[in-house]
Amino acid sequence: SFVVRQSNRSFKTEYVIPQLIMLAANE
C-alpha cells in the first residue's frame, strides 16, 4: 500500500511487493 510520491521515476520500489502478489495470485 505504499504511495508513489514521484510518478516520473522509471523504477518504483512501491510496486515490487504488489507485482509479486499479482504473479503469485495468478499462478
PDB file of all heavy atoms in Angstrom:
ATOM      1  N   SER A   1       0.789  -1.236   0.000  1.00  0.00           N
ATOM      2  CA  SER A   1       0.000   0.000   0.000  1.00  0.00           C
ATOM      3  C   SER A   1       0.820   1.284   0.000  1.00  0.00           C
ATOM      4  O   SER A   1       0.269   2.359   0.211  1.00  0.00           O
ATOM      5  CB  SER A   1      -0.935   0.013   1.221  1.00  0.00           C
ATOM      6  OG  SER A   1      -1.860  -1.045   1.159  1.00  0.00           O
ATOM      7  N   PHE A   2       2.111   1.190  -0.242  1.00  0.00           N
ATOM      8  CA  PHE A   2       2.927   2.396  -0.236  1.00  0.00           C
ATOM      9  C   PHE A   2       2.568   3.285  -1.427  1.00  0.00           C
ATOM     10  O   PHE A   2       2.415   2.815  -2.546  1.00  0.00           O
ATOM     11  CB  PHE A   2       4.410   2.048  -0.258  1.00  0.00           C
ATOM     12  CG  PHE A   2       4.886   1.381   1.003  1.00  0.00           C
ATOM     13  CD1 PHE A   2       5.068   0.009   1.063  1.00  0.00           C
ATOM     14  CD2 PHE A   2       5.117   2.142   2.142  1.00  0.00           C
ATOM     15  CE1 PHE A   2       5.475  -0.605   2.227  1.00  0.00           C
ATOM     16  CE2 PHE A   2       5.535   1.526   3.323  1.00  0.00           C
ATOM     17  CZ  PHE A   2       5.719   0.155   3.364  1.00  0.00           C
ATOM     18  N   VAL A   3       2.431   4.570  -1.155  1.00  0.00           N
ATOM     19  CA  VAL A   3       2.038   5.537  -2.178  1.00  0.00           C
ATOM     20  C   VAL A   3       3.267   6.001  -2.949  1.00  0.00           C
ATOM     21  O   VAL A   3       4.319   6.276  -2.367  1.00  0.00           O
ATOM     22  CB  VAL A   3       1.336   6.749  -1.530  1.00  0.00           C
ATOM     23  CG1 VAL A   3       0.991   7.803  -2.579  1.00  0.00           C
ATOM     24  CG2 VAL A   3       0.089   6.289  -0.778  1.00  0.00           C
ATOM     25  N   VAL A   4       3.143   6.074  -4.260  1.00  0.00           N
ATOM     26  CA  VAL A   4       4.218   6.576  -5.110  1.00  0.00           C
ATOM     27  C   VAL A   4       4.177   8.105  -5.086  1.00  0.00           C
ATOM     28  O   VAL A   4       3.221   8.715  -5.559  1.00  0.00           O
ATOM     29  CB  VAL A   4       4.079   6.065  -6.557  1.00  0.00           C
ATOM     30  CG1 VAL A   4       5.174   6.662  -7.437  1.00  0.00           C
ATOM     31  CG2 VAL A   4       4.141   4.539  -6.583  1.00  0.00           C
ATOM     32  N   ARG A   5       5.216   8.715  -4.543  1.00  0.00           N
ATOM     33  CA  ARG A   5       5.256  10.177  -4.415  1.00  0.00           C
ATOM     34  C   ARG A   5       5.851  10.844  -5.648  1.00  0.00           C
ATOM     35  O   ARG A   5       5.555  11.993  -5.932  1.00  0.00           O
ATOM     36  CB  ARG A   5       6.084  10.559  -3.178  1.00  0.00           C
ATOM     37  CG  ARG A   5       5.529  10.013  -1.859  1.00  0.00           C
ATOM     38  CD  ARG A   5       4.155  10.568  -1.557  1.00  0.00           C
ATOM     39  NE  ARG A   5       3.674  10.088  -0.247  1.00  0.00           N
ATOM     40  CZ  ARG A   5       2.445  10.302   0.208  1.00  0.00           C
ATOM     41  NH1 ARG A   5       1.586  10.991  -0.533  1.00  0.00           N
ATOM     42  NH2 ARG A   5       2.072   9.836   1.386  1.00  0.00           N
ATOM     43  N   GLN A   6       6.721  10.134  -6.364  1.00  0.00           N
ATOM     44  CA  GLN A   6       7.366  10.705  -7.551  1.00  0.00           C
ATOM     45  C   GLN A   6       7.034   9.815  -8.745  1.00  0.00           C
ATOM     46  O   GLN A   6       7.726   8.836  -9.032  1.00  0.00           O
ATOM     47  CB  GLN A   6       8.879  10.782  -7.352  1.00  0.00           C
ATOM     48  CG  GLN A   6       9.291  11.675  -6.184  1.00  0.00           C
ATOM     49  CD  GLN A   6      10.749  11.485  -5.813  1.00  0.00           C
ATOM     50  OE1 GLN A   6      11.203  10.379  -5.570  1.00  0.00           O
ATOM     51  NE2 GLN A   6      11.478  12.590  -5.783  1.00  0.00           N
ATOM     52  N   SER A   7       5.970  10.165  -9.455  1.00  0.00           N
ATOM     53  CA  SER A   7       5.465   9.298 -10.522  1.00  0.00           C
ATOM     54  C   SER A   7       6.370   9.257 -11.741  1.00  0.00           C
ATOM     55  O   SER A   7       6.219   8.383 -12.602  1.00  0.00           O
ATOM     56  CB  SER A   7       4.065   9.762 -10.945  1.00  0.00           C
ATOM     57  OG  SER A   7       4.109  11.107 -11.393  1.00  0.00           O
ATOM     58  N   ASN A   8       7.321  10.181 -11.847  1.00  0.00           N
ATOM     59  CA  ASN A   8       8.171  10.223 -13.037  1.00  0.00           C
ATOM     60  C   ASN A   8       9.389   9.298 -12.931  1.00  0.00           C
ATOM     61  O   ASN A   8      10.232   9.276 -13.826  1.00  0.00           O
ATOM     62  CB  ASN A   8       8.639  11.657 -13.303  1.00  0.00           C
ATOM     63  CG  ASN A   8       9.439  12.242 -12.147  1.00  0.00           C
ATOM     64  OD1 ASN A   8       9.362  11.755 -11.025  1.00  0.00           O
ATOM     65  ND2 ASN A   8      10.195  13.292 -12.423  1.00  0.00           N
ATOM     66  N   ARG A   9       9.511   8.543 -11.854  1.00  0.00           N
ATOM     67  CA  ARG A   9      10.621   7.608 -11.714  1.00  0.00           C
ATOM     68  C   ARG A   9      10.439   6.400 -12.632  1.00  0.00           C
ATOM     69  O   ARG A   9       9.333   5.899 -12.801  1.00  0.00           O
ATOM     70  CB  ARG A   9      10.717   7.108 -10.270  1.00  0.00           C
ATOM     71  CG  ARG A   9      11.376   8.099  -9.319  1.00  0.00           C
ATOM     72  CD  ARG A   9      11.526   7.495  -7.935  1.00  0.00           C
ATOM     73  NE  ARG A   9      10.257   7.477  -7.215  1.00  0.00           N
ATOM     74  CZ  ARG A   9       9.758   6.417  -6.596  1.00  0.00           C
ATOM     75  NH1 ARG A   9      10.377   5.259  -6.646  1.00  0.00           N
ATOM     76  NH2 ARG A   9       8.615   6.497  -5.955  1.00  0.00           N
ATOM     77  N   SER A  10      11.538   5.902 -13.194  1.00  0.00           N
ATOM     78  CA  SER A  10      11.474   4.714 -14.045  1.00  0.00           C
ATOM     79  C   SER A  10      11.179   3.464 -13.221  1.00  0.00           C
ATOM     80  O   SER A  10      10.405   2.603 -13.630  1.00  0.00           O
ATOM     81  CB  SER A  10      12.799   4.538 -14.803  1.00  0.00           C
ATOM     82  OG  SER A  10      13.033   5.627 -15.667  1.00  0.00           O
ATOM     83  N   PHE A  11      11.786   3.356 -12.055  1.00  0.00           N
ATOM     84  CA  PHE A  11      11.581   2.196 -11.181  1.00  0.00           C
ATOM     85  C   PHE A  11      10.876   2.636  -9.914  1.00  0.00           C
ATOM     86  O   PHE A  11      11.290   3.579  -9.242  1.00  0.00           O
ATOM     87  CB  PHE A  11      12.918   1.548 -10.833  1.00  0.00           C
ATOM     88  CG  PHE A  11      12.798   0.425  -9.834  1.00  0.00           C
ATOM     89  CD1 PHE A  11      12.121  -0.747 -10.157  1.00  0.00           C
ATOM     90  CD2 PHE A  11      13.342   0.553  -8.559  1.00  0.00           C
ATOM     91  CE1 PHE A  11      12.002  -1.777  -9.233  1.00  0.00           C
ATOM     92  CE2 PHE A  11      13.227  -0.478  -7.635  1.00  0.00           C
ATOM     93  CZ  PHE A  11      12.559  -1.641  -7.978  1.00  0.00           C
ATOM     94  N   LYS A  12       9.788   1.952  -9.585  1.00  0.00           N
ATOM     95  CA  LYS A  12       9.003   2.292  -8.404  1.00  0.00           C
ATOM     96  C   LYS A  12       9.100   1.139  -7.402  1.00  0.00           C
ATOM     97  O   LYS A  12       8.464   0.094  -7.568  1.00  0.00           O
ATOM     98  CB  LYS A  12       7.547   2.566  -8.795  1.00  0.00           C
ATOM     99  CG  LYS A  12       7.397   3.743  -9.760  1.00  0.00           C
ATOM    100  CD  LYS A  12       5.951   3.955 -10.150  1.00  0.00           C
ATOM    101  CE  LYS A  12       5.790   5.192 -11.030  1.00  0.00           C
ATOM    102  NZ  LYS A  12       6.485   5.053 -12.325  1.00  0.00           N
ATOM    103  N   THR A  13       9.889   1.351  -6.370  1.00  0.00           N
ATOM    104  CA  THR A  13      10.063   0.336  -5.331  1.00  0.00           C
ATOM    105  C   THR A  13       8.718  -0.069  -4.730  1.00  0.00           C
ATOM    106  O   THR A  13       8.511  -1.224  -4.348  1.00  0.00           O
ATOM    107  CB  THR A  13      10.979   0.874  -4.205  1.00  0.00           C
ATOM    108  OG1 THR A  13      12.140   1.451  -4.779  1.00  0.00           O
ATOM    109  CG2 THR A  13      11.367  -0.229  -3.248  1.00  0.00           C
ATOM    110  N   GLU A  14       7.800   0.893  -4.667  1.00  0.00           N
ATOM    111  CA  GLU A  14       6.490   0.644  -4.053  1.00  0.00           C
ATOM    112  C   GLU A  14       5.694  -0.434  -4.778  1.00  0.00           C
ATOM    113  O   GLU A  14       4.758  -1.011  -4.220  1.00  0.00           O
ATOM    114  CB  GLU A  14       5.671   1.948  -4.032  1.00  0.00           C
ATOM    115  CG  GLU A  14       6.315   3.085  -3.260  1.00  0.00           C
ATOM    116  CD  GLU A  14       7.272   3.922  -4.103  1.00  0.00           C
ATOM    117  OE1 GLU A  14       7.632   3.489  -5.223  1.00  0.00           O
ATOM    118  OE2 GLU A  14       7.651   5.006  -3.635  1.00  0.00           O
ATOM    119  N   TYR A  15       6.050  -0.709  -6.038  1.00  0.00           N
ATOM    120  CA  TYR A  15       5.298  -1.685  -6.830  1.00  0.00           C
ATOM    121  C   TYR A  15       5.873  -3.099  -6.741  1.00  0.00           C
ATOM    122  O   TYR A  15       5.254  -4.038  -7.256  1.00  0.00           O
ATOM    123  CB  TYR A  15       5.288  -1.264  -8.306  1.00  0.00           C
ATOM    124  CG  TYR A  15       4.377  -0.093  -8.619  1.00  0.00           C
ATOM    125  CD1 TYR A  15       4.388   0.481  -9.893  1.00  0.00           C
ATOM    126  CD2 TYR A  15       3.520   0.447  -7.670  1.00  0.00           C
ATOM    127  CE1 TYR A  15       3.554   1.553 -10.200  1.00  0.00           C
ATOM    128  CE2 TYR A  15       2.711   1.518  -7.964  1.00  0.00           C
ATOM    129  CZ  TYR A  15       2.724   2.071  -9.238  1.00  0.00           C
ATOM    130  OH  TYR A  15       1.909   3.128  -9.539  1.00  0.00           O
ATOM    131  N   VAL A  16       7.036  -3.271  -6.120  1.00  0.00           N
ATOM    132  CA  VAL A  16       7.677  -4.594  -6.102  1.00  0.00           C
ATOM    133  C   VAL A  16       6.789  -5.637  -5.426  1.00  0.00           C
ATOM    134  O   VAL A  16       6.502  -6.697  -5.993  1.00  0.00           O
ATOM    135  CB  VAL A  16       9.053  -4.529  -5.410  1.00  0.00           C
ATOM    136  CG1 VAL A  16       9.608  -5.944  -5.207  1.00  0.00           C
ATOM    137  CG2 VAL A  16      10.028  -3.702  -6.235  1.00  0.00           C
ATOM    138  N   ILE A  17       6.337  -5.345  -4.211  1.00  0.00           N
ATOM    139  CA  ILE A  17       5.517  -6.319  -3.470  1.00  0.00           C
ATOM    140  C   ILE A  17       4.183  -6.585  -4.169  1.00  0.00           C
ATOM    141  O   ILE A  17       3.821  -7.752  -4.378  1.00  0.00           O
ATOM    142  CB  ILE A  17       5.304  -5.861  -2.015  1.00  0.00           C
ATOM    143  CG1 ILE A  17       6.627  -5.874  -1.252  1.00  0.00           C
ATOM    144  CG2 ILE A  17       4.273  -6.755  -1.306  1.00  0.00           C
ATOM    145  CD1 ILE A  17       7.273  -7.236  -1.129  1.00  0.00           C
ATOM    146  N   PRO A  18       3.401  -5.550  -4.554  1.00  0.00           N
ATOM    147  CA  PRO A  18       2.131  -5.848  -5.226  1.00  0.00           C
ATOM    148  C   PRO A  18       2.308  -6.602  -6.543  1.00  0.00           C
ATOM    149  O   PRO A  18       1.471  -7.439  -6.891  1.00  0.00           O
ATOM    150  CB  PRO A  18       1.490  -4.479  -5.445  1.00  0.00           C
ATOM    151  CG  PRO A  18       2.551  -3.480  -5.201  1.00  0.00           C
ATOM    152  CD  PRO A  18       3.523  -4.101  -4.259  1.00  0.00           C
ATOM    153  N   GLN A  19       3.379  -6.342  -7.259  1.00  0.00           N
ATOM    154  CA  GLN A  19       3.594  -7.087  -8.507  1.00  0.00           C
ATOM    155  C   GLN A  19       3.951  -8.538  -8.235  1.00  0.00           C
ATOM    156  O   GLN A  19       3.530  -9.433  -8.972  1.00  0.00           O
ATOM    157  CB  GLN A  19       4.672  -6.396  -9.347  1.00  0.00           C
ATOM    158  CG  GLN A  19       4.189  -5.086  -9.956  1.00  0.00           C
ATOM    159  CD  GLN A  19       5.255  -4.362 -10.747  1.00  0.00           C
ATOM    160  OE1 GLN A  19       6.415  -4.775 -10.776  1.00  0.00           O
ATOM    161  NE2 GLN A  19       4.878  -3.263 -11.395  1.00  0.00           N
ATOM    162  N   LEU A  20       4.692  -8.796  -7.155  1.00  0.00           N
ATOM    163  CA  LEU A  20       4.953 -10.178  -6.750  1.00  0.00           C
ATOM    164  C   LEU A  20       3.658 -10.860  -6.312  1.00  0.00           C
ATOM    165  O   LEU A  20       3.443 -12.046  -6.579  1.00  0.00           O
ATOM    166  CB  LEU A  20       5.974 -10.210  -5.606  1.00  0.00           C
ATOM    167  CG  LEU A  20       7.424  -9.871  -5.967  1.00  0.00           C
ATOM    168  CD1 LEU A  20       8.276  -9.791  -4.702  1.00  0.00           C
ATOM    169  CD2 LEU A  20       8.001 -10.917  -6.930  1.00  0.00           C
ATOM    170  N   ILE A  21       2.779 -10.100  -5.652  1.00  0.00           N
ATOM    171  CA  ILE A  21       1.469 -10.637  -5.264  1.00  0.00           C
ATOM    172  C   ILE A  21       0.678 -11.025  -6.498  1.00  0.00           C
ATOM    173  O   ILE A  21       0.073 -12.103  -6.565  1.00  0.00           O
ATOM    174  CB  ILE A  21       0.691  -9.587  -4.436  1.00  0.00           C
ATOM    175  CG1 ILE A  21       1.335  -9.395  -3.065  1.00  0.00           C
ATOM    176  CG2 ILE A  21      -0.774 -10.006  -4.273  1.00  0.00           C
ATOM    177  CD1 ILE A  21       0.731  -8.256  -2.257  1.00  0.00           C
ATOM    178  N   MET A  22       0.686 -10.150  -7.506  1.00  0.00           N
ATOM    179  CA  MET A  22      -0.044 -10.442  -8.745  1.00  0.00           C
ATOM    180  C   MET A  22       0.470 -11.709  -9.412  1.00  0.00           C
ATOM    181  O   MET A  22      -0.315 -12.575  -9.811  1.00  0.00           O
ATOM    182  CB  MET A  22       0.081  -9.252  -9.703  1.00  0.00           C
ATOM    183  CG  MET A  22      -0.650  -9.418 -11.042  1.00  0.00           C
ATOM    184  SD  MET A  22       0.294 -10.305 -12.321  1.00  0.00           S
ATOM    185  CE  MET A  22       1.581  -9.106 -12.657  1.00  0.00           C
ATOM    186  N   LEU A  23       1.784 -11.844  -9.517  1.00  0.00           N
ATOM    187  CA  LEU A  23       2.363 -13.015 -10.170  1.00  0.00           C
ATOM    188  C   LEU A  23       2.020 -14.291  -9.403  1.00  0.00           C
ATOM    189  O   LEU A  23       1.680 -15.321 -10.001  1.00  0.00           O
ATOM    190  CB  LEU A  23       3.880 -12.854 -10.282  1.00  0.00           C
ATOM    191  CG  LEU A  23       4.368 -11.765 -11.248  1.00  0.00           C
ATOM    192  CD1 LEU A  23       5.878 -11.560 -11.113  1.00  0.00           C
ATOM    193  CD2 LEU A  23       4.008 -12.128 -12.688  1.00  0.00           C
ATOM    194  N   ALA A  24       2.091 -14.224  -8.064  1.00  0.00           N
ATOM    195  CA  ALA A  24       1.784 -15.392  -7.247  1.00  0.00           C
ATOM    196  C   ALA A  24       0.303 -15.749  -7.316  1.00  0.00           C
ATOM    197  O   ALA A  24      -0.064 -16.925  -7.477  1.00  0.00           O
ATOM    198  CB  ALA A  24       2.196 -15.130  -5.798  1.00  0.00           C
ATOM    199  N   ALA A  25      -0.569 -14.747  -7.196  1.00  0.00           N
ATOM    200  CA  ALA A  25      -2.015 -14.993  -7.240  1.00  0.00           C
ATOM    201  C   ALA A  25      -2.427 -15.553  -8.595  1.00  0.00           C
ATOM    202  O   ALA A  25      -3.281 -16.447  -8.685  1.00  0.00           O
ATOM    203  CB  ALA A  25      -2.774 -13.702  -6.942  1.00  0.00           C
ATOM    204  N   ASN A  26      -1.833 -15.044  -9.650  1.00  0.00           N
ATOM    205  CA  ASN A  26      -2.115 -15.542 -10.999  1.00  0.00           C
ATOM    206  C   ASN A  26      -1.705 -16.999 -11.127  1.00  0.00           C
ATOM    207  O   ASN A  26      -2.441 -17.827 -11.675  1.00  0.00           O
ATOM    208  CB  ASN A  26      -1.374 -14.670 -12.018  1.00  0.00           C
ATOM    209  CG  ASN A  26      -1.897 -14.859 -13.427  1.00  0.00           C
ATOM    210  OD1 ASN A  26      -2.890 -15.542 -13.656  1.00  0.00           O
ATOM    211  ND2 ASN A  26      -1.226 -14.257 -14.391  1.00  0.00           N
ATOM    212  N   GLU A  27      -0.537 -17.328 -10.609  1.00  0.00           N
ATOM    213  CA  GLU A  27      -0.044 -18.704 -10.686  1.00  0.00           C
ATOM    214  C   GLU A  27      -0.891 -19.646  -9.841  1.00  0.00           C
ATOM    215  O   GLU A  27      -0.986 -20.840 -10.143  1.00  0.00           O
ATOM    216  CB  GLU A  27       1.417 -18.760 -10.242  1.00  0.00           C
ATOM    217  CG  GLU A  27       2.109 -20.068 -10.591  1.00  0.00           C
ATOM    218  CD  GLU A  27       3.609 -20.018 -10.399  1.00  0.00           C
ATOM    219  OE1 GLU A  27       4.174 -18.905 -10.394  1.00  0.00           O
ATOM    220  OE2 GLU A  27       4.214 -21.092 -10.257  1.00  0.00           O
TER     221      GLU A  27
END
